[in-house]
Amino acid sequence: MEGKDLKWIYQTVLVGPGMDENVKLSFGASRRLILLLAEVIKEGSKIKGNGFLESVDGKLIQELDALRSEFLEKAKLSQLSEQLKSLH
């Protein structure tokens, strides 16, 4: 599928009924998984050209980054994440 087609599909799905409803999640995950997930969110939000990020509102990207920060904070990994960031 071409990038413009994917962009249209993502835009359509993201504005569908119920997509703005809050969902309460309760789950456990290892610190290793949280750190990996945080990195995937951070690095994935930089990838351009696949149609996905271009179709997402900037506010949603900010919410995703806030969720990333919350995961790190709750896992007590914020400081470690910052230290790893300084290695790049």
PDB file of N, CA and C in Angstrom:
ATOM      1  N   MET A   1       0.837  -1.179   0.000  1.00  0.00           N
ATOM      2  CA  MET A   1       0.000   0.000   0.000  1.00  0.00           C
ATOM      3  C   MET A   1       0.884   1.244   0.000  1.00  0.00           C
ATOM      4  N   GLU A   2       0.464   2.254  -0.678  1.00  0.00           N
ATOM      5  CA  GLU A   2       1.216   3.499  -0.731  1.00  0.00           C
ATOM      6  C   GLU A   2       1.011   4.302   0.549  1.00  0.00           C
ATOM      7  N   GLY A   3       1.967   5.197   0.810  1.00  0.00           N
ATOM      8  CA  GLY A   3       1.912   6.024   2.010  1.00  0.00           C
ATOM      9  C   GLY A   3       0.641   6.835   2.120  1.00  0.00           C
ATOM     10  N   LYS A   4       0.173   7.385   0.992  1.00  0.00           N
ATOM     11  CA  LYS A   4      -1.041   8.217   1.051  1.00  0.00           C
ATOM     12  C   LYS A   4      -2.267   7.377   1.391  1.00  0.00           C
ATOM     13  N   ASP A   5      -2.280   6.114   0.932  1.00  0.00           N
ATOM     14  CA  ASP A   5      -3.397   5.222   1.263  1.00  0.00           C
ATOM     15  C   ASP A   5      -3.391   4.875   2.749  1.00  0.00           C
ATOM     16  N   LEU A   6      -2.198   4.570   3.272  1.00  0.00           N
ATOM     17  CA  LEU A   6      -2.080   4.272   4.703  1.00  0.00           C
ATOM     18  C   LEU A   6      -2.478   5.472   5.543  1.00  0.00           C
ATOM     19  N   LYS A   7      -2.057   6.645   5.112  1.00  0.00           N
ATOM     20  CA  LYS A   7      -2.405   7.866   5.838  1.00  0.00           C
ATOM     21  C   LYS A   7      -3.925   8.019   5.903  1.00  0.00           C
ATOM     22  N   TRP A   8      -4.600   7.799   4.799  1.00  0.00           N
ATOM     23  CA  TRP A   8      -6.060   7.912   4.762  1.00  0.00           C
ATOM     24  C   TRP A   8      -6.701   6.887   5.690  1.00  0.00           C
ATOM     25  N   ILE A   9      -6.195   5.655   5.679  1.00  0.00           N
ATOM     26  CA  ILE A   9      -6.746   4.605   6.541  1.00  0.00           C
ATOM     27  C   ILE A   9      -6.564   4.970   8.009  1.00  0.00           C
ATOM     28  N   TYR A  10      -5.351   5.395   8.385  1.00  0.00           N
ATOM     29  CA  TYR A  10      -5.095   5.779   9.776  1.00  0.00           C
ATOM     30  C   TYR A  10      -5.994   6.937  10.197  1.00  0.00           C
ATOM     31  N   GLN A  11      -6.121   7.942   9.332  1.00  0.00           N
ATOM     32  CA  GLN A  11      -6.976   9.082   9.666  1.00  0.00           C
ATOM     33  C   GLN A  11      -8.414   8.625   9.884  1.00  0.00           C
ATOM     34  N   THR A  12      -8.895   7.732   9.060  1.00  0.00           N
ATOM     35  CA  THR A  12     -10.264   7.226   9.171  1.00  0.00           C
ATOM     36  C   THR A  12     -10.468   6.456  10.470  1.00  0.00           C
ATOM     37  N   VAL A  13      -9.531   5.575  10.787  1.00  0.00           N
ATOM     38  CA  VAL A  13      -9.645   4.756  12.001  1.00  0.00           C
ATOM     39  C   VAL A  13      -9.568   5.623  13.255  1.00  0.00           C
ATOM     40  N   LEU A  14      -8.658   6.587  13.272  1.00  0.00           N
ATOM     41  CA  LEU A  14      -8.439   7.392  14.472  1.00  0.00           C
ATOM     42  C   LEU A  14      -9.590   8.336  14.806  1.00  0.00           C
ATOM     43  N   VAL A  15     -10.455   8.623  13.846  1.00  0.00           N
ATOM     44  CA  VAL A  15     -11.597   9.499  14.129  1.00  0.00           C
ATOM     45  C   VAL A  15     -12.901   8.716  14.245  1.00  0.00           C
ATOM     46  N   GLY A  16     -12.799   7.399  14.271  1.00  0.00           N
ATOM     47  CA  GLY A  16     -13.987   6.548  14.359  1.00  0.00           C
ATOM     48  C   GLY A  16     -14.715   6.715  15.682  1.00  0.00           C
ATOM     49  N   PRO A  17     -15.940   6.203  15.737  1.00  0.00           N
ATOM     50  CA  PRO A  17     -16.743   6.298  16.955  1.00  0.00           C
ATOM     51  C   PRO A  17     -16.037   5.656  18.151  1.00  0.00           C
ATOM     52  N   GLY A  18     -16.035   6.370  19.248  1.00  0.00           N
ATOM     53  CA  GLY A  18     -15.478   5.847  20.492  1.00  0.00           C
ATOM     54  C   GLY A  18     -13.973   5.972  20.635  1.00  0.00           C
ATOM     55  N   MET A  19     -13.289   6.464  19.622  1.00  0.00           N
ATOM     56  CA  MET A  19     -11.824   6.511  19.687  1.00  0.00           C
ATOM     57  C   MET A  19     -11.311   7.571  20.663  1.00  0.00           C
ATOM     58  N   ASP A  20     -12.145   8.532  21.043  1.00  0.00           N
ATOM     59  CA  ASP A  20     -11.727   9.549  22.014  1.00  0.00           C
ATOM     60  C   ASP A  20     -12.077   9.173  23.451  1.00  0.00           C
ATOM     61  N   GLU A  21     -12.739   8.033  23.638  1.00  0.00           N
ATOM     62  CA  GLU A  21     -13.111   7.610  24.986  1.00  0.00           C
ATOM     63  C   GLU A  21     -11.874   7.161  25.755  1.00  0.00           C
ATOM     64  N   ASN A  22     -11.826   7.546  27.026  1.00  0.00           N
ATOM     65  CA  ASN A  22     -10.729   7.099  27.882  1.00  0.00           C
ATOM     66  C   ASN A  22     -10.930   5.642  28.262  1.00  0.00           C
ATOM     67  N   VAL A  23      -9.832   4.926  28.334  1.00  0.00           N
ATOM     68  CA  VAL A  23      -9.841   3.517  28.716  1.00  0.00           C
ATOM     69  C   VAL A  23      -8.938   3.372  29.925  1.00  0.00           C
ATOM     70  N   LYS A  24      -9.473   2.803  30.991  1.00  0.00           N
ATOM     71  CA  LYS A  24      -8.671   2.589  32.195  1.00  0.00           C
ATOM     72  C   LYS A  24      -7.978   1.239  32.067  1.00  0.00           C
ATOM     73  N   LEU A  25      -6.657   1.257  32.207  1.00  0.00           N
ATOM     74  CA  LEU A  25      -5.867   0.038  32.097  1.00  0.00           C
ATOM     75  C   LEU A  25      -5.237  -0.285  33.440  1.00  0.00           C
ATOM     76  N   SER A  26      -5.208  -1.539  33.759  1.00  0.00           N
ATOM     77  CA  SER A  26      -4.545  -1.995  34.971  1.00  0.00           C
ATOM     78  C   SER A  26      -3.782  -3.262  34.612  1.00  0.00           C
ATOM     79  N   PHE A  27      -2.464  -3.159  34.618  1.00  0.00           N
ATOM     80  CA  PHE A  27      -1.660  -4.314  34.257  1.00  0.00           C
ATOM     81  C   PHE A  27      -0.287  -4.206  34.907  1.00  0.00           C
ATOM     82  N   GLY A  28       0.383  -5.297  34.950  1.00  0.00           N
ATOM     83  CA  GLY A  28       1.742  -5.321  35.474  1.00  0.00           C
ATOM     84  C   GLY A  28       2.709  -5.625  34.344  1.00  0.00           C
ATOM     85  N   ALA A  29       3.883  -5.048  34.422  1.00  0.00           N
ATOM     86  CA  ALA A  29       4.919  -5.288  33.417  1.00  0.00           C
ATOM     87  C   ALA A  29       6.278  -5.147  34.088  1.00  0.00           C
ATOM     88  N   SER A  30       7.243  -5.870  33.591  1.00  0.00           N
ATOM     89  CA  SER A  30       8.592  -5.778  34.151  1.00  0.00           C
ATOM     90  C   SER A  30       9.203  -4.422  33.812  1.00  0.00           C
ATOM     91  N   ARG A  31      10.139  -4.004  34.615  1.00  0.00           N
ATOM     92  CA  ARG A  31      10.836  -2.744  34.339  1.00  0.00           C
ATOM     93  C   ARG A  31      11.540  -2.821  32.988  1.00  0.00           C
ATOM     94  N   ARG A  32      12.045  -3.994  32.670  1.00  0.00           N
ATOM     95  CA  ARG A  32      12.717  -4.191  31.384  1.00  0.00           C
ATOM     96  C   ARG A  32      11.753  -3.882  30.243  1.00  0.00           C
ATOM     97  N   LEU A  33      10.518  -4.386  30.349  1.00  0.00           N
ATOM     98  CA  LEU A  33       9.518  -4.148  29.315  1.00  0.00           C
ATOM     99  C   LEU A  33       9.127  -2.669  29.256  1.00  0.00           C
ATOM    100  N   ILE A  34       8.979  -2.042  30.409  1.00  0.00           N
ATOM    101  CA  ILE A  34       8.619  -0.617  30.447  1.00  0.00           C
ATOM    102  C   ILE A  34       9.705   0.225  29.790  1.00  0.00           C
ATOM    103  N   LEU A  35      10.962  -0.073  30.092  1.00  0.00           N
ATOM    104  CA  LEU A  35      12.069   0.678  29.495  1.00  0.00           C
ATOM    105  C   LEU A  35      12.087   0.480  27.981  1.00  0.00           C
ATOM    106  N   LEU A  36      11.880  -0.740  27.535  1.00  0.00           N
ATOM    107  CA  LEU A  36      11.840  -1.025  26.100  1.00  0.00           C
ATOM    108  C   LEU A  36      10.665  -0.310  25.436  1.00  0.00           C
ATOM    109  N   LEU A  37       9.498  -0.372  26.054  1.00  0.00           N
ATOM    110  CA  LEU A  37       8.315   0.290  25.509  1.00  0.00           C
ATOM    111  C   LEU A  37       8.533   1.801  25.406  1.00  0.00           C
ATOM    112  N   ALA A  38       9.138   2.379  26.420  1.00  0.00           N
ATOM    113  CA  ALA A  38       9.417   3.817  26.406  1.00  0.00           C
ATOM    114  C   ALA A  38      10.339   4.177  25.244  1.00  0.00           C
ATOM    115  N   GLU A  39      11.345   3.355  24.995  1.00  0.00           N
ATOM    116  CA  GLU A  39      12.261   3.605  23.878  1.00  0.00           C
ATOM    117  C   GLU A  39      11.549   3.455  22.538  1.00  0.00           C
ATOM    118  N   VAL A  40      10.697   2.451  22.429  1.00  0.00           N
ATOM    119  CA  VAL A  40       9.949   2.240  21.188  1.00  0.00           C
ATOM    120  C   VAL A  40       9.035   3.433  20.913  1.00  0.00           C
ATOM    121  N   ILE A  41       8.382   3.937  21.945  1.00  0.00           N
ATOM    122  CA  ILE A  41       7.515   5.109  21.781  1.00  0.00           C
ATOM    123  C   ILE A  41       8.341   6.315  21.346  1.00  0.00           C
ATOM    124  N   LYS A  42       9.467   6.541  22.024  1.00  0.00           N
ATOM    125  CA  LYS A  42      10.304   7.706  21.707  1.00  0.00           C
ATOM    126  C   LYS A  42      10.846   7.622  20.287  1.00  0.00           C
ATOM    127  N   GLU A  43      11.438   6.499  19.939  1.00  0.00           N
ATOM    128  CA  GLU A  43      12.036   6.354  18.611  1.00  0.00           C
ATOM    129  C   GLU A  43      10.970   6.258  17.522  1.00  0.00           C
ATOM    130  N   GLY A  44       9.879   5.583  17.816  1.00  0.00           N
ATOM    131  CA  GLY A  44       8.805   5.440  16.835  1.00  0.00           C
ATOM    132  C   GLY A  44       8.134   6.754  16.492  1.00  0.00           C
ATOM    133  N   SER A  45       8.130   7.679  17.436  1.00  0.00           N
ATOM    134  CA  SER A  45       7.496   8.973  17.171  1.00  0.00           C
ATOM    135  C   SER A  45       8.370   9.867  16.294  1.00  0.00           C
ATOM    136  N   LYS A  46       9.556   9.393  15.950  1.00  0.00           N
ATOM    137  CA  LYS A  46      10.457  10.148  15.069  1.00  0.00           C
ATOM    138  C   LYS A  46      10.408   9.659  13.626  1.00  0.00           C
ATOM    139  N   ILE A  47       9.836   8.490  13.395  1.00  0.00           N
ATOM    140  CA  ILE A  47       9.838   7.879  12.062  1.00  0.00           C
ATOM    141  C   ILE A  47       8.822   8.587  11.171  1.00  0.00           C
ATOM    142  N   LYS A  48       9.285   9.056  10.059  1.00  0.00           N
ATOM    143  CA  LYS A  48       8.419   9.759   9.102  1.00  0.00           C
ATOM    144  C   LYS A  48       8.312   8.934   7.820  1.00  0.00           C
ATOM    145  N   GLY A  49       7.282   9.203   7.059  1.00  0.00           N
ATOM    146  CA  GLY A  49       7.169   8.626   5.735  1.00  0.00           C
ATOM    147  C   GLY A  49       6.323   7.372   5.622  1.00  0.00           C
ATOM    148  N   ASN A  50       5.822   6.848   6.733  1.00  0.00           N
ATOM    149  CA  ASN A  50       4.997   5.643   6.618  1.00  0.00           C
ATOM    150  C   ASN A  50       3.501   5.967   6.616  1.00  0.00           C
ATOM    151  N   GLY A  51       3.160   7.235   6.697  1.00  0.00           N
ATOM    152  CA  GLY A  51       1.762   7.647   6.668  1.00  0.00           C
ATOM    153  C   GLY A  51       1.121   7.742   8.036  1.00  0.00           C
ATOM    154  N   PHE A  52       1.685   7.047   9.008  1.00  0.00           N
ATOM    155  CA  PHE A  52       1.059   7.015  10.325  1.00  0.00           C
ATOM    156  C   PHE A  52       1.217   8.338  11.058  1.00  0.00           C
ATOM    157  N   LEU A  53       2.440   8.773  11.279  1.00  0.00           N
ATOM    158  CA  LEU A  53       2.644  10.006  12.043  1.00  0.00           C
ATOM    159  C   LEU A  53       2.068  11.222  11.336  1.00  0.00           C
ATOM    160  N   GLU A  54       2.097  11.192  10.029  1.00  0.00           N
ATOM    161  CA  GLU A  54       1.543  12.311   9.273  1.00  0.00           C
ATOM    162  C   GLU A  54       0.029  12.419   9.452  1.00  0.00           C
ATOM    163  N   SER A  55      -0.605  11.321   9.818  1.00  0.00           N
ATOM    164  CA  SER A  55      -2.059  11.324   9.976  1.00  0.00           C
ATOM    165  C   SER A  55      -2.502  11.582  11.410  1.00  0.00           C
ATOM    166  N   VAL A  56      -1.545  11.642  12.322  1.00  0.00           N
ATOM    167  CA  VAL A  56      -1.862  11.793  13.738  1.00  0.00           C
ATOM    168  C   VAL A  56      -1.719  13.253  14.150  1.00  0.00           C
ATOM    169  N   ASP A  57      -2.707  13.728  14.874  1.00  0.00           N
ATOM    170  CA  ASP A  57      -2.687  15.088  15.411  1.00  0.00           C
ATOM    171  C   ASP A  57      -1.520  15.240  16.381  1.00  0.00           C
ATOM    172  N   GLY A  58      -0.854  16.375  16.345  1.00  0.00           N
ATOM    173  CA  GLY A  58       0.280  16.630  17.234  1.00  0.00           C
ATOM    174  C   GLY A  58      -0.077  16.476  18.701  1.00  0.00           C
ATOM    175  N   LYS A  59      -1.309  16.803  19.056  1.00  0.00           N
ATOM    176  CA  LYS A  59      -1.756  16.662  20.449  1.00  0.00           C
ATOM    177  C   LYS A  59      -1.717  15.195  20.879  1.00  0.00           C
ATOM    178  N   LEU A  60      -2.056  14.304  19.984  1.00  0.00           N
ATOM    179  CA  LEU A  60      -2.037  12.877  20.286  1.00  0.00           C
ATOM    180  C   LEU A  60      -0.601  12.388  20.510  1.00  0.00           C
ATOM    181  N   ILE A  61       0.333  12.918  19.752  1.00  0.00           N
ATOM    182  CA  ILE A  61       1.750  12.572  19.940  1.00  0.00           C
ATOM    183  C   ILE A  61       2.218  13.064  21.309  1.00  0.00           C
ATOM    184  N   GLN A  62       1.764  14.248  21.715  1.00  0.00           N
ATOM    185  CA  GLN A  62       2.109  14.774  23.040  1.00  0.00           C
ATOM    186  C   GLN A  62       1.529  13.881  24.137  1.00  0.00           C
ATOM    187  N   GLU A  63       0.307  13.404  23.948  1.00  0.00           N
ATOM    188  CA  GLU A  63      -0.305  12.498  24.922  1.00  0.00           C
ATOM    189  C   GLU A  63       0.476  11.190  25.009  1.00  0.00           C
ATOM    190  N   LEU A  64       0.940  10.711  23.875  1.00  0.00           N
ATOM    191  CA  LEU A  64       1.737   9.485  23.850  1.00  0.00           C
ATOM    192  C   LEU A  64       3.048   9.683  24.602  1.00  0.00           C
ATOM    193  N   ASP A  65       3.670  10.834  24.428  1.00  0.00           N
ATOM    194  CA  ASP A  65       4.909  11.127  25.144  1.00  0.00           C
ATOM    195  C   ASP A  65       4.650  11.253  26.647  1.00  0.00           C
ATOM    196  N   ALA A  66       3.514  11.832  27.017  1.00  0.00           N
ATOM    197  CA  ALA A  66       3.159  11.935  28.436  1.00  0.00           C
ATOM    198  C   ALA A  66       2.931  10.542  29.031  1.00  0.00           C
ATOM    199  N   LEU A  67       2.311   9.661  28.267  1.00  0.00           N
ATOM    200  CA  LEU A  67       2.103   8.284  28.714  1.00  0.00           C
ATOM    201  C   LEU A  67       3.447   7.583  28.898  1.00  0.00           C
ATOM    202  N   ARG A  68       4.363   7.820  27.977  1.00  0.00           N
ATOM    203  CA  ARG A  68       5.720   7.274  28.074  1.00  0.00           C
ATOM    204  C   ARG A  68       6.375   7.734  29.368  1.00  0.00           C
ATOM    205  N   SER A  69       6.285   9.016  29.655  1.00  0.00           N
ATOM    206  CA  SER A  69       6.871   9.568  30.878  1.00  0.00           C
ATOM    207  C   SER A  69       6.229   8.970  32.122  1.00  0.00           C
ATOM    208  N   GLU A  70       4.925   8.794  32.073  1.00  0.00           N
ATOM    209  CA  GLU A  70       4.211   8.208  33.213  1.00  0.00           C
ATOM    210  C   GLU A  70       4.651   6.765  33.453  1.00  0.00           C
ATOM    211  N   PHE A  71       4.798   6.001  32.384  1.00  0.00           N
ATOM    212  CA  PHE A  71       5.294   4.623  32.524  1.00  0.00           C
ATOM    213  C   PHE A  71       6.657   4.613  33.200  1.00  0.00           C
ATOM    214  N   LEU A  72       7.566   5.469  32.724  1.00  0.00           N
ATOM    215  CA  LEU A  72       8.917   5.511  33.291  1.00  0.00           C
ATOM    216  C   LEU A  72       8.883   5.935  34.755  1.00  0.00           C
ATOM    217  N   GLU A  73       8.049   6.921  35.061  1.00  0.00           N
ATOM    218  CA  GLU A  73       7.954   7.415  36.434  1.00  0.00           C
ATOM    219  C   GLU A  73       7.425   6.332  37.372  1.00  0.00           C
ATOM    220  N   LYS A  74       6.359   5.663  36.962  1.00  0.00           N
ATOM    221  CA  LYS A  74       5.767   4.631  37.821  1.00  0.00           C
ATOM    222  C   LYS A  74       6.709   3.448  38.019  1.00  0.00           C
ATOM    223  N   ALA A  75       7.554   3.185  37.027  1.00  0.00           N
ATOM    224  CA  ALA A  75       8.514   2.083  37.130  1.00  0.00           C
ATOM    225  C   ALA A  75       9.824   2.539  37.783  1.00  0.00           C
ATOM    226  N   LYS A  76       9.860   3.824  38.180  1.00  0.00           N
ATOM    227  CA  LYS A  76      11.057   4.411  38.785  1.00  0.00           C
ATOM    228  C   LYS A  76      12.270   4.262  37.860  1.00  0.00           C
ATOM    229  N   LEU A  77      12.028   4.568  36.582  1.00  0.00           N
ATOM    230  CA  LEU A  77      13.077   4.456  35.574  1.00  0.00           C
ATOM    231  C   LEU A  77      13.377   5.779  34.873  1.00  0.00           C
ATOM    232  N   SER A  78      12.795   6.865  35.341  1.00  0.00           N
ATOM    233  CA  SER A  78      12.989   8.156  34.683  1.00  0.00           C
ATOM    234  C   SER A  78      14.453   8.558  34.657  1.00  0.00           C
ATOM    235  N   GLN A  79      15.116   8.426  35.789  1.00  0.00           N
ATOM    236  CA  GLN A  79      16.519   8.824  35.869  1.00  0.00           C
ATOM    237  C   GLN A  79      17.387   7.940  34.971  1.00  0.00           C
ATOM    238  N   LEU A  80      17.158   6.641  35.002  1.00  0.00           N
ATOM    239  CA  LEU A  80      17.922   5.729  34.149  1.00  0.00           C
ATOM    240  C   LEU A  80      17.702   6.065  32.680  1.00  0.00           C
ATOM    241  N   SER A  81      16.476   6.359  32.314  1.00  0.00           N
ATOM    242  CA  SER A  81      16.168   6.713  30.931  1.00  0.00           C
ATOM    243  C   SER A  81      16.932   7.966  30.509  1.00  0.00           C
ATOM    244  N   GLU A  82      16.986   8.955  31.385  1.00  0.00           N
ATOM    245  CA  GLU A  82      17.731  10.183  31.085  1.00  0.00           C
ATOM    246  C   GLU A  82      19.224   9.906  30.950  1.00  0.00           C
ATOM    247  N   GLN A  83      19.746   9.043  31.803  1.00  0.00           N
ATOM    248  CA  GLN A  83      21.164   8.692  31.722  1.00  0.00           C
ATOM    249  C   GLN A  83      21.464   7.967  30.412  1.00  0.00           C
ATOM    250  N   LEU A  84      20.591   7.073  30.011  1.00  0.00           N
ATOM    251  CA  LEU A  84      20.775   6.371  28.743  1.00  0.00           C
ATOM    252  C   LEU A  84      20.676   7.337  27.567  1.00  0.00           C
ATOM    253  N   LYS A  85      19.791   8.317  27.696  1.00  0.00           N
ATOM    254  CA  LYS A  85      19.616   9.322  26.652  1.00  0.00           C
ATOM    255  C   LYS A  85      20.907  10.113  26.441  1.00  0.00           C
ATOM    256  N   SER A  86      21.619  10.372  27.517  1.00  0.00           N
ATOM    257  CA  SER A  86      22.860  11.145  27.409  1.00  0.00           C
ATOM    258  C   SER A  86      23.963  10.361  26.700  1.00  0.00           C
ATOM    259  N   LEU A  87      23.810   9.048  26.569  1.00  0.00           N
ATOM    260  CA  LEU A  87      24.806   8.229  25.884  1.00  0.00           C
ATOM    261  C   LEU A  87      24.697   8.323  24.367  1.00  0.00           C
ATOM    262  N   HIS A  88      23.561   8.783  23.873  1.00  0.00           N
ATOM    263  CA  HIS A  88      23.353   8.857  22.414  1.00  0.00           C
ATOM    264  C   HIS A  88      24.210   9.896  21.817  1.00  0.00           C
TER     265      HIS A  88
END
